[in-house]
Amino acid sequence: MRKIKDVLRLKLQAGLSHERIAAALGVSKGVVAKYCLLAAACGLDWPAVDALSESALERRLLAGRADRPSHYAQPDYGQVHHELRRKGMTLALLWDEYVEAHPGQATWRYSQFCENYRRYCLLLRRSMRQVHRAGEKLFVDYAGPTIALAGGGVANIFVAALGASSYTFACATPRQTLGDWLHGCAQALQFIGGVPQLIVPDNPRALIADPNRYEPRANETVEDFARHYGTSVLPARPYRPQDKAKVESAVQVVERWILMRLRKHTFQTVDDVNEAIAPLLDRLNAKLFQKLPGSRATAFAAIDAPALQSLPAQPWEWASYKTVRVHIDHHVEIDGHRYSVPQTLVGLQLEARITARAVELLHRGQRVATHARSAQRGGFTTVPEHLSAAHRAHREWTPQRLIHWGNSIGPMTGHIVRRLLEERRHPEHGYRACLGLLGLARKYGKPRLEAACAVAAELGTTKYSHVRDILANGRDRHAAAETPEWNSPQHAHVRGAAYYQ
C-alpha cells in the first residue's frame, strides 16, 4: 500500500503521466491505471488520500471489490482440511475432485485453490498448525483438577485424544502410578476400538525411565505394554507442551464440559465417577465443531477409525520384570517360590516376566519356561521335561510304587520296605534305603534278598546296612535251626503241677 500511495501522489498531486510514474516506481502502466481508476471511482483526491492510513486506504479502494459475489464455485475448505489428514492425500488430488464435482461451473485454478486454502488455515487456531495423520498418534495426559470422593481421597482424570480427529476419551483412576497410566491407556484403546502407531505422553517418572531429549527410554513394563498392542510410546520433549498440544486442548475441554458438570455431585468411589463420565463423554464427542464440519465422533469415524490397527485378542495384563539366576537344582526363586527351567540353563541369568497369574522366564528374549504363579512360599513348581533323565527317574518313585516293588519280591521284602517308609519323618527320607534294597536284588538275586529280609525281621532291624551285611556274610543261606519243644527235666526239687492241686 505504500507504493500504491506513491502512485496516487505522483498522479493526483504531481500530475505525471502513467508512463513516467511506472518508470519512477518500477511498476507496470497497468497497475498505475488500475489504482488511479479505483481512486476516481471512490471520489478521492490527493488531500483525502494523504489523510488516510494505509489500512484505511486499502479498505476504501478494495471494499467494493471484496463485497462483489464471486462467480467461481466455492470449495468446502473445512472438508479439504479434514481430508488432508489422511495418509497420502494431497491438495492436487483434492483440487481435481473439486473441479470434477462442479461440471459446467467456473472453478478456481490450482494455484488460486491452494492460495485460498492457505488463507482459510490462517482463520483456524494456531494450535492446529501441526499436521496429524490419520491413526498416527494418541496423546495422553492427566487433568490438573481432581474429583473429591466422599470416603476420602480423590479421583484423578486421565485424558486421551487422537491427533487427526480430536476424538476424546476420559476416565478416573485412583492415583497416577504406572499401573494407573497403563490402565488408562488400555481403556482408551478399548474405547476407540483400535491401536494408533504412537502413544504420546509427557515425561512422567512413572512411565519414562530416561527422559532424554533425543533418545527417551520408557521403562520395561511400558515397553511390554507397547509390544502387546503393537505400538510405540514416544514421550514429548521435556518442558515442551506444544508437542502434545492436542491433549492439552482436550484436557481443557474435559475440564469445562465434564468436570464442571460434575462439580455438585458426590461420589463414593472411582467407579461411580466413571459411570458419570461415560454419558458426558458421548455428548462431548458428538458436539459440533465451531469452524470445521461435523464433530469429533464423525471425524473419528471418517478419518481415524479406518486407519487404526486392530486390538489384540487378549487385553494387556500388568507385568513386572526381575532378573533371576538358575540354581544348581535348575530352579529359580521368585517371591519365595521356586520354578523349574531346562537343566541346560543352570548358572545363567534369566529375565522373569511376572503377572498376576503366570510367570514367564526369558533367556535372551526367548521364552524358555512358563508356570502358573504360586503364592506358596518355600514350595516348588517343576515341569518333568525340565529335569535330566536320572532326575526324572528319581521323581517317578512314590511310596506306593516302592511297596508294590517290595511285595513283588516277597512278603518279607515288602514288610521291610513298608517299615522303612513308616519309620522316617517323611516318606522321601526312606527312598534312598529302598532304592538300596533294589540294588541288592540286582547283585544277590531276589530269593536271597527275601531270605535276608526274613532274617532282618527276625532280628528286629530294618536298616539297609544290616540287610546288606546279612547278604555279605551269607547268613541268609543258613536255614534257621528248628528249636525243639522244651520239656522240664525230672528233678527232686521240682514239685510238679500236682503239688498245687
Protein backbone atom coordinates (compact mmCIF):
# COMPACT_ATOMS: atom_id res chain seq x y z
CA MET A 1 0.00 0.00 0.00
CA ARG A 2 2.97 2.33 0.46
CA LYS A 3 3.79 2.10 -3.25
CA ILE A 4 0.12 2.50 -4.20
CA LYS A 5 0.01 5.70 -2.17
CA ASP A 6 3.09 6.92 -4.06
CA VAL A 7 1.31 6.17 -7.36
CA LEU A 8 -1.65 8.29 -6.29
CA ARG A 9 0.63 11.12 -5.05
CA LEU A 10 2.52 11.34 -8.34
CA LYS A 11 -0.71 11.23 -10.32
CA LEU A 12 -3.04 13.42 -8.28
CA GLN A 13 -0.51 15.91 -6.86
CA ALA A 14 2.35 16.00 -9.40
CA GLY A 15 0.22 15.26 -12.46
CA LEU A 16 2.74 12.92 -14.10
CA SER A 17 1.82 10.53 -16.91
CA HIS A 18 1.20 6.85 -16.37
CA GLU A 19 4.43 6.01 -18.23
CA ARG A 20 6.64 8.28 -16.09
CA ILE A 21 5.01 7.05 -12.86
CA ALA A 22 5.56 3.41 -13.87
CA ALA A 23 9.22 4.09 -14.70
CA ALA A 24 9.81 6.01 -11.47
CA LEU A 25 8.30 3.37 -9.17
CA GLY A 26 9.23 0.20 -11.09
CA VAL A 27 5.66 -0.97 -11.73
CA SER A 28 3.67 -1.57 -14.89
CA LYS A 29 1.47 1.07 -16.52
CA GLY A 30 -1.49 -1.27 -15.98
CA VAL A 31 -1.03 -1.14 -12.21
CA VAL A 32 -0.87 2.67 -12.35
CA ALA A 33 -4.04 2.81 -14.40
CA LYS A 34 -5.83 0.32 -12.12
CA TYR A 35 -5.35 2.26 -8.91
CA CYS A 36 -5.96 5.65 -10.50
CA LEU A 37 -9.33 4.38 -11.71
CA LEU A 38 -10.15 2.94 -8.25
CA ALA A 39 -9.34 6.28 -6.60
CA ALA A 40 -11.51 8.13 -9.12
CA ALA A 41 -14.36 5.65 -8.55
CA CYS A 42 -14.18 6.33 -4.82
CA GLY A 43 -14.05 10.12 -5.36
CA LEU A 44 -10.64 10.50 -3.71
CA ASP A 45 -8.29 13.44 -4.35
CA TRP A 46 -4.76 13.79 -3.01
CA PRO A 47 -5.62 15.61 0.26
CA ALA A 48 -8.15 12.84 1.06
CA VAL A 49 -5.66 10.10 0.18
CA ASP A 50 -2.91 11.78 2.23
CA ALA A 51 -5.13 11.89 5.29
CA LEU A 52 -5.87 8.14 5.19
CA SER A 53 -3.67 5.46 6.76
CA GLU A 54 -2.52 2.58 4.61
CA SER A 55 -5.09 0.14 6.04
CA ALA A 56 -7.91 2.69 5.69
CA LEU A 57 -6.87 3.44 2.10
CA GLU A 58 -6.90 -0.30 1.33
CA ARG A 59 -10.42 -0.63 2.69
CA ARG A 60 -11.64 2.36 0.63
CA LEU A 61 -10.07 1.18 -2.62
CA LEU A 62 -10.81 -2.54 -2.32
CA ALA A 63 -14.03 -2.62 -0.30
CA GLY A 64 -16.24 -2.58 -3.32
CA ARG A 65 -14.32 -5.43 -4.99
CA ALA A 66 -14.37 -7.61 -1.85
CA ASP A 67 -18.13 -7.27 -1.49
CA ARG A 68 -18.87 -8.41 -5.01
CA PRO A 69 -20.04 -12.05 -5.14
CA SER A 70 -17.65 -14.40 -6.91
CA HIS A 71 -18.93 -16.37 -9.87
CA TYR A 72 -16.50 -19.21 -9.07
CA ALA A 73 -17.73 -22.41 -7.38
CA GLN A 74 -16.53 -22.23 -3.77
CA PRO A 75 -14.77 -25.32 -2.33
CA ASP A 76 -15.56 -26.59 1.19
CA TYR A 77 -12.21 -25.77 2.72
CA GLY A 78 -13.23 -27.28 6.07
CA GLN A 79 -13.69 -30.63 4.35
CA VAL A 80 -10.42 -30.10 2.46
CA HIS A 81 -8.68 -29.54 5.81
CA HIS A 82 -10.09 -32.83 7.16
CA GLU A 83 -9.20 -34.81 4.05
CA LEU A 84 -5.59 -33.65 4.11
CA ARG A 85 -5.12 -35.56 7.37
CA ARG A 86 -5.48 -38.83 5.53
CA LYS A 87 -2.23 -40.59 4.76
CA GLY A 88 -1.22 -39.99 1.12
CA MET A 89 -3.76 -37.20 0.48
CA THR A 90 -2.58 -34.12 -1.48
CA LEU A 91 -4.01 -30.73 -2.43
CA ALA A 92 -3.61 -31.61 -6.12
CA LEU A 93 -5.93 -34.61 -5.77
CA LEU A 94 -8.48 -32.59 -3.80
CA TRP A 95 -8.38 -29.87 -6.48
CA ASP A 96 -9.10 -32.48 -9.17
CA GLU A 97 -12.10 -33.72 -7.17
CA TYR A 98 -13.29 -30.13 -6.68
CA VAL A 99 -13.19 -29.49 -10.45
CA GLU A 100 -14.98 -32.78 -11.22
CA ALA A 101 -17.69 -32.00 -8.65
CA HIS A 102 -18.65 -28.74 -10.44
CA PRO A 103 -19.04 -29.51 -14.13
CA GLY A 104 -20.12 -26.55 -16.23
CA GLN A 105 -19.22 -24.05 -13.49
CA ALA A 106 -16.26 -21.74 -13.20
CA THR A 107 -13.69 -23.21 -10.82
CA TRP A 108 -10.52 -21.87 -9.33
CA ARG A 109 -7.25 -22.75 -10.95
CA TYR A 110 -4.93 -24.94 -8.83
CA SER A 111 -2.72 -22.04 -7.71
CA GLN A 112 -5.69 -19.94 -6.56
CA PHE A 113 -7.26 -23.02 -4.92
CA CYS A 114 -4.10 -23.51 -2.83
CA GLU A 115 -3.86 -19.80 -2.01
CA ASN A 116 -7.46 -19.71 -0.79
CA TYR A 117 -6.84 -22.80 1.35
CA ARG A 118 -3.81 -21.16 2.96
CA ARG A 119 -5.92 -18.10 3.77
CA TYR A 120 -8.54 -20.40 5.31
CA CYS A 121 -5.89 -22.03 7.53
CA LEU A 122 -4.99 -18.60 8.91
CA LEU A 123 -8.51 -18.35 10.33
CA LEU A 124 -8.05 -21.53 12.38
CA ARG A 125 -6.47 -21.68 15.82
CA ARG A 126 -2.70 -21.60 15.94
CA SER A 127 -2.66 -24.95 17.77
CA MET A 128 -3.81 -26.64 14.56
CA ARG A 129 -0.67 -25.81 12.63
CA GLN A 130 0.60 -29.34 13.34
CA VAL A 131 -0.25 -31.88 10.67
CA HIS A 132 -1.74 -35.01 12.26
CA ARG A 133 -2.06 -38.09 10.09
CA ALA A 134 -4.99 -40.45 10.42
CA GLY A 135 -4.47 -43.16 13.06
CA GLU A 136 -0.95 -41.97 13.77
CA LYS A 137 -0.88 -40.58 17.34
CA LEU A 138 -2.84 -40.86 20.56
CA PHE A 139 -1.92 -38.08 23.03
CA VAL A 140 -2.41 -38.84 26.74
CA ASP A 141 -2.17 -36.79 29.94
CA TYR A 142 -3.80 -36.22 33.32
CA ALA A 143 -6.02 -33.23 34.01
CA GLY A 144 -4.94 -30.87 36.78
CA PRO A 145 -8.26 -30.75 38.68
CA THR A 146 -9.41 -33.84 40.57
CA ILE A 147 -12.78 -35.02 41.92
CA ALA A 148 -13.09 -35.44 45.69
CA LEU A 149 -14.56 -38.70 46.99
CA ALA A 150 -16.91 -38.85 49.95
CA GLY A 151 -14.88 -41.52 51.75
CA GLY A 152 -11.66 -39.55 51.44
CA GLY A 153 -9.18 -39.40 48.62
CA VAL A 154 -9.62 -38.08 45.10
CA ALA A 155 -10.24 -39.37 41.60
CA ASN A 156 -7.60 -38.35 39.04
CA ILE A 157 -8.85 -37.73 35.50
CA PHE A 158 -6.95 -39.44 32.67
CA VAL A 159 -7.49 -37.85 29.22
CA ALA A 160 -6.57 -39.14 25.75
CA ALA A 161 -7.14 -37.55 22.33
CA LEU A 162 -6.46 -38.72 18.78
CA GLY A 163 -4.41 -36.32 16.69
CA ALA A 164 -6.36 -36.22 13.42
CA SER A 165 -9.97 -36.21 14.66
CA SER A 166 -9.55 -34.90 18.25
CA TYR A 167 -11.72 -37.84 19.39
CA THR A 168 -11.52 -37.62 23.19
CA PHE A 169 -11.56 -40.19 25.99
CA ALA A 170 -11.56 -39.63 29.74
CA CYS A 171 -11.69 -41.88 32.79
CA ALA A 172 -10.99 -41.68 36.51
CA THR A 173 -8.15 -43.52 38.27
CA PRO A 174 -7.28 -43.70 41.98
CA ARG A 175 -3.77 -42.29 41.53
CA GLN A 176 -1.22 -41.52 38.83
CA THR A 177 1.07 -44.52 39.28
CA LEU A 178 2.50 -46.62 36.46
CA GLY A 179 -0.42 -49.01 36.76
CA ASP A 180 -2.93 -46.15 36.55
CA TRP A 181 -1.25 -44.70 33.45
CA LEU A 182 -1.23 -48.02 31.63
CA HIS A 183 -4.77 -48.87 32.76
CA GLY A 184 -5.93 -45.52 31.35
CA CYS A 185 -4.11 -46.17 28.05
CA ALA A 186 -5.64 -49.65 27.80
CA GLN A 187 -9.12 -48.24 28.46
CA ALA A 188 -8.56 -45.53 25.84
CA LEU A 189 -7.55 -48.11 23.21
CA GLN A 190 -10.61 -50.17 24.08
CA PHE A 191 -12.78 -47.04 23.77
CA ILE A 192 -11.53 -46.12 20.28
CA GLY A 193 -11.58 -49.76 19.20
CA GLY A 194 -8.09 -49.80 17.70
CA VAL A 195 -4.41 -49.06 18.14
CA PRO A 196 -2.55 -45.99 16.79
CA GLN A 197 1.05 -46.05 15.62
CA LEU A 198 2.27 -43.92 18.55
CA ILE A 199 1.17 -43.07 22.08
CA VAL A 200 2.48 -39.67 23.15
CA PRO A 201 2.60 -38.83 26.90
CA ASP A 202 4.63 -36.13 28.56
CA ASN A 203 7.58 -37.26 30.70
CA PRO A 204 6.07 -38.70 33.92
CA ARG A 205 8.55 -40.57 36.09
CA ALA A 206 6.08 -43.44 36.34
CA LEU A 207 6.43 -44.14 32.59
CA ILE A 208 9.78 -42.81 31.39
CA ALA A 209 13.00 -44.25 32.80
CA ASP A 210 15.26 -41.78 30.96
CA PRO A 211 13.60 -38.53 29.76
CA ASN A 212 16.42 -37.75 27.32
CA ARG A 213 15.56 -35.03 24.82
CA TYR A 214 16.89 -37.00 21.86
CA GLU A 215 16.70 -40.66 22.94
CA PRO A 216 14.00 -41.01 25.62
CA ARG A 217 13.61 -44.50 27.10
CA ALA A 218 10.47 -45.92 28.68
CA ASN A 219 10.70 -48.50 31.46
CA GLU A 220 10.38 -52.22 30.77
CA THR A 221 6.72 -52.52 31.77
CA VAL A 222 5.75 -49.71 29.38
CA GLU A 223 7.72 -51.36 26.58
CA ASP A 224 5.93 -54.64 27.34
CA PHE A 225 2.60 -52.80 27.08
CA ALA A 226 3.63 -51.33 23.72
CA ARG A 227 4.78 -54.71 22.39
CA HIS A 228 1.48 -56.32 23.39
CA TYR A 229 -0.55 -53.76 21.44
CA GLY A 230 1.90 -53.40 18.53
CA THR A 231 2.51 -49.70 19.09
CA SER A 232 5.26 -47.44 20.45
CA VAL A 233 5.47 -44.91 23.27
CA LEU A 234 7.21 -41.67 22.26
CA PRO A 235 7.17 -39.04 25.05
CA ALA A 236 7.08 -35.34 24.25
CA ARG A 237 10.20 -33.29 24.77
CA PRO A 238 10.74 -32.15 28.36
CA TYR A 239 9.11 -28.78 29.06
CA ARG A 240 7.59 -28.64 25.54
CA PRO A 241 3.80 -28.80 25.99
CA GLN A 242 3.36 -27.81 22.34
CA ASP A 243 4.49 -31.32 21.40
CA LYS A 244 1.23 -32.61 22.87
CA ALA A 245 -0.96 -29.59 22.24
CA LYS A 246 -3.81 -31.82 21.13
CA VAL A 247 -4.26 -33.41 24.55
CA GLU A 248 -3.65 -30.07 26.30
CA SER A 249 -6.67 -28.76 24.42
CA ALA A 250 -8.61 -31.96 25.17
CA VAL A 251 -7.84 -31.60 28.90
CA GLN A 252 -9.24 -28.09 28.81
CA VAL A 253 -12.38 -29.28 27.02
CA VAL A 254 -12.88 -32.14 29.51
CA GLU A 255 -12.49 -29.76 32.43
CA ARG A 256 -15.09 -27.38 31.01
CA TRP A 257 -17.65 -29.83 29.59
CA ILE A 258 -17.38 -32.75 32.01
CA LEU A 259 -15.73 -31.83 35.31
CA MET A 260 -17.68 -28.60 35.69
CA ARG A 261 -20.94 -30.50 35.16
CA LEU A 262 -19.95 -32.91 37.94
CA ARG A 263 -18.82 -30.29 40.46
CA LYS A 264 -22.03 -30.53 42.53
CA HIS A 265 -22.21 -34.33 42.56
CA THR A 266 -21.00 -36.53 45.42
CA PHE A 267 -19.17 -39.75 44.57
CA GLN A 268 -18.25 -42.63 46.82
CA THR A 269 -15.75 -44.46 44.60
CA VAL A 270 -13.75 -44.05 41.41
CA ASP A 271 -16.15 -46.42 39.64
CA ASP A 272 -19.01 -44.02 40.44
CA VAL A 273 -17.06 -41.22 38.78
CA ASN A 274 -16.51 -43.31 35.65
CA GLU A 275 -20.22 -44.09 35.43
CA ALA A 276 -20.97 -40.36 35.49
CA ILE A 277 -18.28 -39.52 32.92
CA ALA A 278 -19.43 -42.05 30.28
CA PRO A 279 -22.63 -40.27 29.05
CA LEU A 280 -20.99 -36.84 29.19
CA LEU A 281 -18.11 -38.17 27.09
CA ASP A 282 -20.53 -39.27 24.37
CA ARG A 283 -22.12 -35.81 24.37
CA LEU A 284 -18.72 -34.16 24.15
CA ASN A 285 -17.65 -36.18 21.11
CA ALA A 286 -20.99 -35.57 19.40
CA LYS A 287 -20.76 -31.79 19.90
CA LEU A 288 -20.30 -29.96 16.55
CA PHE A 289 -17.07 -28.14 15.74
CA GLN A 290 -17.25 -24.34 15.55
CA LYS A 291 -15.19 -23.84 12.37
CA LEU A 292 -14.96 -27.34 10.89
CA PRO A 293 -17.71 -29.55 9.54
CA GLY A 294 -19.05 -32.37 11.72
CA SER A 295 -17.97 -33.37 15.20
CA ARG A 296 -15.25 -35.38 16.88
CA ALA A 297 -17.33 -38.53 16.52
CA THR A 298 -17.97 -38.07 12.78
CA ALA A 299 -14.37 -37.05 12.13
CA PHE A 300 -13.18 -40.14 14.02
CA ALA A 301 -15.47 -42.46 12.03
CA ALA A 302 -14.34 -40.95 8.72
CA ILE A 303 -10.63 -40.38 9.34
CA ASP A 304 -9.06 -42.14 12.32
CA ALA A 305 -11.12 -45.32 12.70
CA PRO A 306 -10.24 -46.83 9.28
CA ALA A 307 -6.52 -46.17 9.84
CA LEU A 308 -6.22 -47.76 13.30
CA GLN A 309 -4.61 -51.16 13.83
CA SER A 310 -6.81 -53.88 15.29
CA LEU A 311 -6.78 -54.65 19.00
CA PRO A 312 -5.08 -57.88 20.18
CA ALA A 313 -7.27 -60.84 21.06
CA GLN A 314 -6.36 -60.65 24.77
CA PRO A 315 -6.24 -57.44 26.81
CA TRP A 316 -2.91 -56.45 28.30
CA GLU A 317 -2.13 -57.75 31.78
CA TRP A 318 0.13 -55.97 34.24
CA ALA A 319 3.61 -57.47 34.31
CA SER A 320 6.76 -56.72 36.26
CA TYR A 321 10.27 -57.87 35.42
CA LYS A 322 13.00 -59.35 37.60
CA THR A 323 16.47 -60.73 36.88
CA VAL A 324 16.96 -64.20 38.40
CA ARG A 325 19.76 -66.79 38.37
CA VAL A 326 19.18 -70.51 37.79
CA HIS A 327 20.24 -72.54 40.86
CA ILE A 328 22.10 -75.84 40.68
CA ASP A 329 18.76 -77.69 41.04
CA HIS A 330 17.64 -75.91 37.79
CA HIS A 331 15.03 -73.81 39.59
CA VAL A 332 14.73 -70.04 40.01
CA GLU A 333 13.28 -68.36 43.07
CA ILE A 334 10.55 -65.70 42.78
CA ASP A 335 8.78 -64.39 45.89
CA GLY A 336 9.91 -67.40 47.92
CA HIS A 337 8.62 -70.00 45.43
CA ARG A 338 10.84 -71.99 43.06
CA TYR A 339 10.07 -72.60 39.38
CA SER A 340 11.90 -75.03 37.11
CA VAL A 341 13.71 -74.25 33.85
CA PRO A 342 15.57 -76.57 31.44
CA GLN A 343 18.65 -78.09 33.08
CA THR A 344 20.95 -76.68 30.37
CA LEU A 345 20.43 -73.16 31.82
CA VAL A 346 21.95 -73.89 35.24
CA GLY A 347 24.08 -70.94 36.38
CA LEU A 348 22.73 -68.46 33.81
CA GLN A 349 20.80 -65.26 34.46
CA LEU A 350 17.23 -65.15 33.14
CA GLU A 351 14.60 -62.43 32.94
CA ALA A 352 11.34 -63.22 34.71
CA ARG A 353 8.11 -61.64 33.49
CA ILE A 354 5.67 -61.80 36.40
CA THR A 355 1.91 -61.25 36.06
CA ALA A 356 -0.93 -61.83 38.48
CA ARG A 357 -1.47 -65.39 37.21
CA ALA A 358 1.69 -66.50 35.43
CA VAL A 359 5.49 -66.45 35.49
CA GLU A 360 7.39 -66.39 32.19
CA LEU A 361 11.14 -66.98 32.11
CA LEU A 362 13.09 -65.45 29.22
CA HIS A 363 16.65 -66.12 28.03
CA ARG A 364 17.95 -63.51 25.59
CA GLY A 365 14.39 -62.51 24.75
CA GLN A 366 13.25 -66.11 24.10
CA ARG A 367 10.72 -67.75 26.41
CA VAL A 368 12.19 -70.92 27.95
CA ALA A 369 9.56 -71.73 30.60
CA THR A 370 6.04 -70.73 31.67
CA HIS A 371 4.40 -71.56 35.01
CA ALA A 372 1.19 -70.72 36.80
CA ARG A 373 2.09 -68.32 39.57
CA SER A 374 2.03 -69.79 43.07
CA ALA A 375 1.76 -67.96 46.39
CA GLN A 376 3.20 -70.90 48.38
CA ARG A 377 6.45 -69.76 49.94
CA GLY A 378 9.06 -72.50 50.08
CA GLY A 379 7.23 -74.62 47.51
CA PHE A 380 8.35 -75.98 44.14
CA THR A 381 6.72 -75.93 40.70
CA THR A 382 8.55 -78.38 38.46
CA VAL A 383 7.93 -79.49 34.89
CA PRO A 384 9.25 -83.08 34.42
CA GLU A 385 10.57 -82.26 30.94
CA HIS A 386 12.98 -79.74 32.50
CA LEU A 387 14.74 -82.49 34.50
CA SER A 388 17.53 -84.80 33.41
CA ALA A 389 16.74 -88.47 32.72
CA ALA A 390 18.19 -89.55 36.07
CA HIS A 391 16.23 -86.92 37.97
CA ARG A 392 13.02 -87.80 36.16
CA ALA A 393 13.51 -91.46 37.13
CA HIS A 394 14.01 -90.43 40.76
CA ARG A 395 10.86 -88.28 40.74
CA GLU A 396 8.81 -91.21 39.43
CA TRP A 397 9.34 -93.21 42.67
CA THR A 398 6.42 -92.97 45.10
CA PRO A 399 5.74 -94.86 48.41
CA GLN A 400 3.05 -96.97 46.74
CA ARG A 401 5.35 -97.91 43.87
CA LEU A 402 8.17 -98.88 46.24
CA ILE A 403 5.86 -101.04 48.39
CA HIS A 404 4.50 -102.73 45.28
CA TRP A 405 8.04 -103.42 44.13
CA GLY A 406 8.93 -104.94 47.53
CA ASN A 407 5.85 -107.20 47.54
CA SER A 408 6.75 -108.40 44.06
CA ILE A 409 9.98 -109.87 45.51
CA GLY A 410 8.40 -111.37 48.59
CA PRO A 411 6.28 -110.61 51.63
CA MET A 412 9.26 -110.09 53.93
CA THR A 413 10.87 -107.63 51.48
CA GLY A 414 7.55 -105.78 51.25
CA HIS A 415 7.42 -105.73 55.07
CA ILE A 416 10.92 -104.22 55.30
CA VAL A 417 10.13 -101.58 52.64
CA ARG A 418 6.92 -100.61 54.44
CA ARG A 419 8.80 -100.30 57.74
CA LEU A 420 11.50 -98.17 56.07
CA LEU A 421 8.88 -95.66 54.82
CA GLU A 422 6.84 -95.62 58.04
CA GLU A 423 9.71 -95.08 60.42
CA ARG A 424 11.02 -91.97 58.63
CA ARG A 425 9.69 -88.49 59.35
CA HIS A 426 8.89 -88.04 55.68
CA PRO A 427 8.47 -90.95 53.21
CA GLU A 428 11.04 -89.42 50.84
CA HIS A 429 13.69 -89.87 53.55
CA GLY A 430 13.34 -93.64 53.10
CA TYR A 431 13.56 -93.56 49.30
CA ARG A 432 17.32 -93.99 49.22
CA ALA A 433 17.25 -97.01 51.55
CA CYS A 434 14.52 -98.62 49.45
CA LEU A 435 16.48 -97.97 46.27
CA GLY A 436 19.48 -99.52 48.03
CA LEU A 437 17.46 -102.70 48.56
CA LEU A 438 16.67 -102.61 44.82
CA GLY A 439 20.40 -102.58 44.15
CA LEU A 440 20.88 -105.63 46.45
CA ALA A 441 18.29 -107.54 44.44
CA ARG A 442 20.28 -106.91 41.29
CA LYS A 443 23.53 -108.04 42.97
CA TYR A 444 22.40 -111.06 45.03
CA GLY A 445 19.12 -112.03 43.42
CA LYS A 446 15.55 -111.78 44.65
CA PRO A 447 15.43 -115.10 46.60
CA ARG A 448 18.47 -114.22 48.72
CA LEU A 449 17.12 -110.71 49.33
CA GLU A 450 13.82 -112.17 50.52
CA ALA A 451 15.69 -114.57 52.87
CA ALA A 452 17.88 -111.74 54.17
CA CYS A 453 14.82 -109.59 54.87
CA ALA A 454 13.33 -112.50 56.81
CA VAL A 455 16.48 -112.73 58.97
CA ALA A 456 16.42 -108.93 59.50
CA ALA A 457 12.79 -109.05 60.55
CA GLU A 458 13.59 -111.85 62.98
CA LEU A 459 16.38 -109.72 64.43
CA GLY A 460 14.04 -106.69 64.60
CA THR A 461 16.03 -104.42 62.29
CA THR A 462 15.03 -102.57 59.12
CA LYS A 463 18.30 -100.85 58.27
CA TYR A 464 19.63 -101.22 54.75
CA SER A 465 23.16 -101.72 56.11
CA HIS A 466 22.03 -104.69 58.24
CA VAL A 467 20.36 -106.40 55.27
CA ARG A 468 23.49 -105.76 53.21
CA ASP A 469 25.72 -107.30 55.91
CA ILE A 470 23.46 -110.35 56.20
CA LEU A 471 23.84 -110.95 52.49
CA ALA A 472 27.57 -110.28 52.54
CA ASN A 473 28.13 -112.75 55.44
CA GLY A 474 25.85 -115.37 53.91
CA ARG A 475 23.63 -115.67 56.97
CA ASP A 476 20.57 -115.81 54.73
CA ARG A 477 21.82 -119.20 53.41
CA HIS A 478 21.80 -120.97 56.78
CA ALA A 479 18.36 -122.29 57.49
CA ALA A 480 17.11 -121.31 60.86
CA ALA A 481 17.54 -124.23 63.25
CA GLU A 482 14.25 -125.50 64.47
CA THR A 483 14.11 -125.21 68.22
CA PRO A 484 12.67 -128.47 69.86
CA GLU A 485 9.80 -128.14 72.20
CA TRP A 486 11.24 -127.66 75.73
CA ASN A 487 10.21 -130.05 78.48
CA SER A 488 11.04 -129.61 82.11
CA PRO A 489 13.61 -132.29 83.28
CA GLN A 490 12.89 -134.65 86.19
CA HIS A 491 14.38 -133.32 89.44
CA ALA A 492 13.77 -133.91 93.16
CA HIS A 493 13.28 -130.26 93.84
CA VAL A 494 10.71 -129.81 91.09
CA ARG A 495 7.33 -130.28 92.72
CA GLY A 496 5.31 -130.59 89.58
CA ALA A 497 1.82 -129.48 88.77
CA ALA A 498 0.14 -131.95 91.13
CA TYR A 499 1.61 -130.14 94.12
CA TYR A 500 -0.70 -127.14 93.56
CA GLN A 501 -3.89 -129.15 93.24
